[in-house]
């Protein structure tokens, strides 16, 4: 019984809002959720997965071969950045596909098309900002960088475990110059 009541309420809300507007709202929520999920996953991914550290450590815990650990950590780090870039692009492609289906749908109203086109424009601007940030951060001496611009916040992941205050300031300055986003909305992660 509760499901039927909830369904009737949801159906009533959809009729009030309009089917097209409800579809657009759901699409925007789906896109935002996808981007947010990617940011969350990239920020908390473990770069050491897949490596058996016990093989490099003797029975008594003494380090037997640190070069194997360092080489594998380097490969995992490179893999992390490559995977992050691919997953970010995949999420953006999915978002663009949904928005384009709304923007170029003959049945969609003009307001919906305008919202979809504005969102497409924002994604394109975010992609350009990300590319610029990554190139400028790498030019400051970081080996690798992935930037994610989304909804007035920026996450920047750079290769390196401990970042100096001067490095953090450089990255904040680059992000601010490219996006106008203030440092309190910038998350910098050393990987």
C-alpha atoms as a PDB file:
ATOM      1  CA  UNK A   1       0.000   0.000   0.000  1.00  0.00           C
ATOM      2  CA  UNK A   2       2.782   2.456   0.857  1.00  0.00           C
ATOM      3  CA  UNK A   3       4.422   1.926  -2.500  1.00  0.00           C
ATOM      4  CA  UNK A   4       1.181   2.720  -4.322  1.00  0.00           C
ATOM      5  CA  UNK A   5       0.744   5.915  -2.298  1.00  0.00           C
ATOM      6  CA  UNK A   6       4.333   6.986  -2.958  1.00  0.00           C
ATOM      7  CA  UNK A   7       3.906   6.206  -6.656  1.00  0.00           C
ATOM      8  CA  UNK A   8       0.746   8.313  -6.835  1.00  0.00           C
ATOM      9  CA  UNK A   9       2.537  11.234  -5.140  1.00  0.00           C
ATOM     10  CA  UNK A  10       5.518  10.944  -7.482  1.00  0.00           C
ATOM     11  CA  UNK A  11       3.234  10.718 -10.498  1.00  0.00           C
ATOM     12  CA  UNK A  12       1.334  13.797  -9.317  1.00  0.00           C
ATOM     13  CA  UNK A  13       4.585  15.745  -8.910  1.00  0.00           C
ATOM     14  CA  UNK A  14       5.738  14.724 -12.376  1.00  0.00           C
ATOM     15  CA  UNK A  15       2.441  15.886 -13.876  1.00  0.00           C
ATOM     16  CA  UNK A  16       2.749  19.252 -12.084  1.00  0.00           C
ATOM     17  CA  UNK A  17       6.357  19.758 -13.183  1.00  0.00           C
ATOM     18  CA  UNK A  18       5.904  18.300 -16.624  1.00  0.00           C
ATOM     19  CA  UNK A  19       7.359  15.128 -18.013  1.00  0.00           C
ATOM     20  CA  UNK A  20      10.045  16.892 -20.030  1.00  0.00           C
ATOM     21  CA  UNK A  21      11.214  19.032 -17.123  1.00  0.00           C
ATOM     22  CA  UNK A  22      11.227  16.015 -14.806  1.00  0.00           C
ATOM     23  CA  UNK A  23      13.329  14.118 -17.361  1.00  0.00           C
ATOM     24  CA  UNK A  24      15.787  16.999 -17.606  1.00  0.00           C
ATOM     25  CA  UNK A  25      16.016  17.318 -13.821  1.00  0.00           C
ATOM     26  CA  UNK A  26      16.705  13.597 -13.493  1.00  0.00           C
ATOM     27  CA  UNK A  27      19.337  13.795 -16.255  1.00  0.00           C
ATOM     28  CA  UNK A  28      21.102  16.691 -14.556  1.00  0.00           C
ATOM     29  CA  UNK A  29      21.041  14.839 -11.224  1.00  0.00           C
ATOM     30  CA  UNK A  30      22.434  11.727 -12.901  1.00  0.00           C
ATOM     31  CA  UNK A  31      25.227  13.703 -14.538  1.00  0.00           C
ATOM     32  CA  UNK A  32      26.092  15.497 -11.315  1.00  0.00           C
ATOM     33  CA  UNK A  33      26.074  12.225  -9.411  1.00  0.00           C
ATOM     34  CA  UNK A  34      28.355  10.603 -11.967  1.00  0.00           C
ATOM     35  CA  UNK A  35      30.860  13.436 -11.799  1.00  0.00           C
ATOM     36  CA  UNK A  36      30.726  13.517  -7.993  1.00  0.00           C
ATOM     37  CA  UNK A  37      31.228   9.759  -7.797  1.00  0.00           C
ATOM     38  CA  UNK A  38      34.292  10.015 -10.045  1.00  0.00           C
ATOM     39  CA  UNK A  39      35.773  12.753  -7.875  1.00  0.00           C
ATOM     40  CA  UNK A  40      35.141  10.738  -4.725  1.00  0.00           C
ATOM     41  CA  UNK A  41      36.610   7.566  -6.214  1.00  0.00           C
ATOM     42  CA  UNK A  42      39.682   9.316  -7.609  1.00  0.00           C
ATOM     43  CA  UNK A  43      40.383  11.131  -4.376  1.00  0.00           C
ATOM     44  CA  UNK A  44      40.330   7.975  -2.280  1.00  0.00           C
ATOM     45  CA  UNK A  45      41.781   5.369  -4.622  1.00  0.00           C
ATOM     46  CA  UNK A  46      44.643   3.280  -3.286  1.00  0.00           C
ATOM     47  CA  UNK A  47      47.661   3.466  -5.568  1.00  0.00           C
ATOM     48  CA  UNK A  48      49.225   0.404  -3.990  1.00  0.00           C
ATOM     49  CA  UNK A  49      46.565  -2.113  -4.916  1.00  0.00           C
ATOM     50  CA  UNK A  50      47.627  -5.236  -6.676  1.00  0.00           C
ATOM     51  CA  UNK A  51      51.161  -5.354  -5.242  1.00  0.00           C
ATOM     52  CA  UNK A  52      52.164  -8.026  -2.783  1.00  0.00           C
ATOM     53  CA  UNK A  53      54.361  -6.143  -0.318  1.00  0.00           C
ATOM     54  CA  UNK A  54      54.876  -9.307   1.700  1.00  0.00           C
ATOM     55  CA  UNK A  55      57.078 -10.612  -1.118  1.00  0.00           C
ATOM     56  CA  UNK A  56      59.487  -7.713  -0.586  1.00  0.00           C
ATOM     57  CA  UNK A  57      59.593  -8.138   3.195  1.00  0.00           C
ATOM     58  CA  UNK A  58      61.396 -11.014   4.907  1.00  0.00           C
ATOM     59  CA  UNK A  59      59.878 -13.239   7.598  1.00  0.00           C
ATOM     60  CA  UNK A  60      61.287 -11.019  10.334  1.00  0.00           C
ATOM     61  CA  UNK A  61      59.916  -7.864   8.687  1.00  0.00           C
ATOM     62  CA  UNK A  62      63.292  -6.738   7.352  1.00  0.00           C
ATOM     63  CA  UNK A  63      63.202  -5.127   3.952  1.00  0.00           C
ATOM     64  CA  UNK A  64      64.650  -7.492   1.398  1.00  0.00           C
ATOM     65  CA  UNK A  65      64.320  -5.624  -1.931  1.00  0.00           C
ATOM     66  CA  UNK A  66      63.172  -2.005  -1.825  1.00  0.00           C
ATOM     67  CA  UNK A  67      63.730  -1.503  -5.560  1.00  0.00           C
ATOM     68  CA  UNK A  68      60.851  -3.884  -6.314  1.00  0.00           C
ATOM     69  CA  UNK A  69      58.553  -1.917  -4.012  1.00  0.00           C
ATOM     70  CA  UNK A  70      59.615   1.437  -5.473  1.00  0.00           C
ATOM     71  CA  UNK A  71      59.272   0.284  -9.089  1.00  0.00           C
ATOM     72  CA  UNK A  72      55.826  -1.188  -8.487  1.00  0.00           C
ATOM     73  CA  UNK A  73      54.689   1.915  -6.577  1.00  0.00           C
ATOM     74  CA  UNK A  74      55.832   4.023  -9.547  1.00  0.00           C
ATOM     75  CA  UNK A  75      53.903   1.811 -11.988  1.00  0.00           C
ATOM     76  CA  UNK A  76      50.793   1.907  -9.784  1.00  0.00           C
ATOM     77  CA  UNK A  77      51.016   5.677  -9.557  1.00  0.00           C
ATOM     78  CA  UNK A  78      51.307   6.000 -13.334  1.00  0.00           C
ATOM     79  CA  UNK A  79      48.387   3.596 -13.721  1.00  0.00           C
ATOM     80  CA  UNK A  80      46.326   5.661 -11.265  1.00  0.00           C
ATOM     81  CA  UNK A  81      46.786   8.864 -13.274  1.00  0.00           C
ATOM     82  CA  UNK A  82      46.070   7.137 -16.590  1.00  0.00           C
ATOM     83  CA  UNK A  83      42.954   5.484 -15.213  1.00  0.00           C
ATOM     84  CA  UNK A  84      41.784   8.750 -13.650  1.00  0.00           C
ATOM     85  CA  UNK A  85      42.050  10.582 -16.959  1.00  0.00           C
ATOM     86  CA  UNK A  86      40.201   7.824 -18.810  1.00  0.00           C
ATOM     87  CA  UNK A  87      37.426   7.620 -16.212  1.00  0.00           C
ATOM     88  CA  UNK A  88      37.024  11.406 -16.119  1.00  0.00           C
ATOM     89  CA  UNK A  89      36.678  11.479 -19.901  1.00  0.00           C
ATOM     90  CA  UNK A  90      34.221   8.571 -19.854  1.00  0.00           C
ATOM     91  CA  UNK A  91      32.016  10.333 -17.285  1.00  0.00           C
ATOM     92  CA  UNK A  92      32.106  13.555 -19.291  1.00  0.00           C
ATOM     93  CA  UNK A  93      31.235  11.694 -22.499  1.00  0.00           C
ATOM     94  CA  UNK A  94      28.224  10.118 -20.799  1.00  0.00           C
ATOM     95  CA  UNK A  95      27.092  13.492 -19.466  1.00  0.00           C
ATOM     96  CA  UNK A  96      27.491  15.118 -22.880  1.00  0.00           C
ATOM     97  CA  UNK A  97      25.521  12.322 -24.519  1.00  0.00           C
ATOM     98  CA  UNK A  98      22.574  12.821 -22.158  1.00  0.00           C
ATOM     99  CA  UNK A  99      22.641  16.595 -22.546  1.00  0.00           C
ATOM    100  CA  UNK A 100      22.925  16.401 -26.320  1.00  0.00           C
ATOM    101  CA  UNK A 101      19.945  14.049 -26.474  1.00  0.00           C
ATOM    102  CA  UNK A 102      17.896  16.729 -24.681  1.00  0.00           C
ATOM    103  CA  UNK A 103      19.358  19.680 -26.610  1.00  0.00           C
ATOM    104  CA  UNK A 104      18.704  18.157 -30.010  1.00  0.00           C
ATOM    105  CA  UNK A 105      15.370  16.506 -29.203  1.00  0.00           C
ATOM    106  CA  UNK A 106      12.614  17.956 -31.377  1.00  0.00           C
ATOM    107  CA  UNK A 107      10.036  17.228 -28.671  1.00  0.00           C
ATOM    108  CA  UNK A 108      11.876  19.160 -25.923  1.00  0.00           C
ATOM    109  CA  UNK A 109      10.729  22.704 -25.177  1.00  0.00           C
ATOM    110  CA  UNK A 110      12.972  25.719 -25.775  1.00  0.00           C
ATOM    111  CA  UNK A 111      13.755  26.256 -22.079  1.00  0.00           C
ATOM    112  CA  UNK A 112      14.926  22.656 -21.720  1.00  0.00           C
ATOM    113  CA  UNK A 113      17.077  22.937 -24.820  1.00  0.00           C
ATOM    114  CA  UNK A 114      18.637  26.167 -23.527  1.00  0.00           C
ATOM    115  CA  UNK A 115      19.436  24.562 -20.157  1.00  0.00           C
ATOM    116  CA  UNK A 116      20.999  21.554 -21.862  1.00  0.00           C
ATOM    117  CA  UNK A 117      23.074  23.737 -24.193  1.00  0.00           C
ATOM    118  CA  UNK A 118      24.211  25.860 -21.239  1.00  0.00           C
ATOM    119  CA  UNK A 119      25.258  22.704 -19.382  1.00  0.00           C
ATOM    120  CA  UNK A 120      27.145  21.494 -22.472  1.00  0.00           C
ATOM    121  CA  UNK A 121      28.919  24.845 -22.646  1.00  0.00           C
ATOM    122  CA  UNK A 122      29.835  24.627 -18.947  1.00  0.00           C
ATOM    123  CA  UNK A 123      31.237  21.121 -19.355  1.00  0.00           C
ATOM    124  CA  UNK A 124      33.323  22.306 -22.319  1.00  0.00           C
ATOM    125  CA  UNK A 125      34.624  25.262 -20.275  1.00  0.00           C
ATOM    126  CA  UNK A 126      35.418  22.944 -17.335  1.00  0.00           C
ATOM    127  CA  UNK A 127      37.308  20.603 -19.672  1.00  0.00           C
ATOM    128  CA  UNK A 128      39.371  23.499 -21.009  1.00  0.00           C
ATOM    129  CA  UNK A 129      40.118  24.702 -17.468  1.00  0.00           C
ATOM    130  CA  UNK A 130      41.168  21.190 -16.427  1.00  0.00           C
ATOM    131  CA  UNK A 131      43.510  20.886 -19.380  1.00  0.00           C
ATOM    132  CA  UNK A 132      45.073  24.294 -18.684  1.00  0.00           C
ATOM    133  CA  UNK A 133      45.481  23.539 -14.967  1.00  0.00           C
ATOM    134  CA  UNK A 134      47.115  20.187 -15.672  1.00  0.00           C
ATOM    135  CA  UNK A 135      49.556  21.670 -18.196  1.00  0.00           C
ATOM    136  CA  UNK A 136      50.511  24.566 -15.906  1.00  0.00           C
ATOM    137  CA  UNK A 137      50.937  22.354 -12.830  1.00  0.00           C
ATOM    138  CA  UNK A 138      53.182  19.974 -14.777  1.00  0.00           C
ATOM    139  CA  UNK A 139      55.181  22.989 -15.991  1.00  0.00           C
ATOM    140  CA  UNK A 140      55.894  23.816 -12.331  1.00  0.00           C
ATOM    141  CA  UNK A 141      57.814  20.565 -11.958  1.00  0.00           C
ATOM    142  CA  UNK A 142      55.164  18.022 -10.992  1.00  0.00           C
ATOM    143  CA  UNK A 143      55.504  14.795 -12.917  1.00  0.00           C
ATOM    144  CA  UNK A 144      51.760  14.153 -13.315  1.00  0.00           C
ATOM    145  CA  UNK A 145      48.518  15.960 -12.556  1.00  0.00           C
ATOM    146  CA  UNK A 146      44.774  15.368 -12.871  1.00  0.00           C
ATOM    147  CA  UNK A 147      42.335  18.231 -12.298  1.00  0.00           C
ATOM    148  CA  UNK A 148      38.574  17.923 -11.926  1.00  0.00           C
ATOM    149  CA  UNK A 149      36.481  21.090 -12.129  1.00  0.00           C
ATOM    150  CA  UNK A 150      32.872  20.642 -11.048  1.00  0.00           C
ATOM    151  CA  UNK A 151      30.241  22.983  -9.701  1.00  0.00           C
ATOM    152  CA  UNK A 152      32.483  25.719  -8.330  1.00  0.00           C
ATOM    153  CA  UNK A 153      35.014  23.331  -6.795  1.00  0.00           C
ATOM    154  CA  UNK A 154      38.284  21.944  -8.064  1.00  0.00           C
ATOM    155  CA  UNK A 155      40.175  18.810  -7.091  1.00  0.00           C
ATOM    156  CA  UNK A 156      43.805  18.638  -8.163  1.00  0.00           C
ATOM    157  CA  UNK A 157      45.699  15.379  -7.760  1.00  0.00           C
ATOM    158  CA  UNK A 158      49.457  15.576  -8.265  1.00  0.00           C
ATOM    159  CA  UNK A 159      52.139  12.934  -8.191  1.00  0.00           C
ATOM    160  CA  UNK A 160      53.962  13.278  -4.897  1.00  0.00           C
ATOM    161  CA  UNK A 161      53.221  12.260  -1.331  1.00  0.00           C
ATOM    162  CA  UNK A 162      54.124  15.297   0.751  1.00  0.00           C
ATOM    163  CA  UNK A 163      53.472  18.679  -0.772  1.00  0.00           C
ATOM    164  CA  UNK A 164      55.293  21.754   0.448  1.00  0.00           C
ATOM    165  CA  UNK A 165      53.376  24.909   1.312  1.00  0.00           C
ATOM    166  CA  UNK A 166      54.993  26.662  -1.659  1.00  0.00           C
ATOM    167  CA  UNK A 167      53.790  23.911  -4.000  1.00  0.00           C
ATOM    168  CA  UNK A 168      50.260  24.128  -2.619  1.00  0.00           C
ATOM    169  CA  UNK A 169      50.350  27.918  -3.078  1.00  0.00           C
ATOM    170  CA  UNK A 170      51.524  27.510  -6.686  1.00  0.00           C
ATOM    171  CA  UNK A 171      48.691  25.088  -7.451  1.00  0.00           C
ATOM    172  CA  UNK A 172      46.103  27.328  -5.739  1.00  0.00           C
ATOM    173  CA  UNK A 173      47.347  30.297  -7.764  1.00  0.00           C
ATOM    174  CA  UNK A 174      47.170  28.355 -11.035  1.00  0.00           C
ATOM    175  CA  UNK A 175      43.627  27.158 -10.305  1.00  0.00           C
ATOM    176  CA  UNK A 176      42.484  30.644  -9.287  1.00  0.00           C
ATOM    177  CA  UNK A 177      43.972  32.240 -12.404  1.00  0.00           C
ATOM    178  CA  UNK A 178      42.315  29.650 -14.672  1.00  0.00           C
ATOM    179  CA  UNK A 179      38.910  29.365 -12.995  1.00  0.00           C
ATOM    180  CA  UNK A 180      38.465  32.223 -10.522  1.00  0.00           C
ATOM    181  CA  UNK A 181      37.714  29.617  -7.834  1.00  0.00           C
ATOM    182  CA  UNK A 182      38.991  30.574  -4.378  1.00  0.00           C
ATOM    183  CA  UNK A 183      41.431  28.336  -2.454  1.00  0.00           C
ATOM    184  CA  UNK A 184      38.782  27.274   0.090  1.00  0.00           C
ATOM    185  CA  UNK A 185      37.002  25.492  -2.778  1.00  0.00           C
ATOM    186  CA  UNK A 186      40.155  23.811  -4.057  1.00  0.00           C
ATOM    187  CA  UNK A 187      41.230  20.375  -2.856  1.00  0.00           C
ATOM    188  CA  UNK A 188      44.857  19.417  -3.540  1.00  0.00           C
ATOM    189  CA  UNK A 189      45.830  15.791  -3.126  1.00  0.00           C
ATOM    190  CA  UNK A 190      49.302  14.276  -3.294  1.00  0.00           C
ATOM    191  CA  UNK A 191      49.264  10.773  -4.737  1.00  0.00           C
END
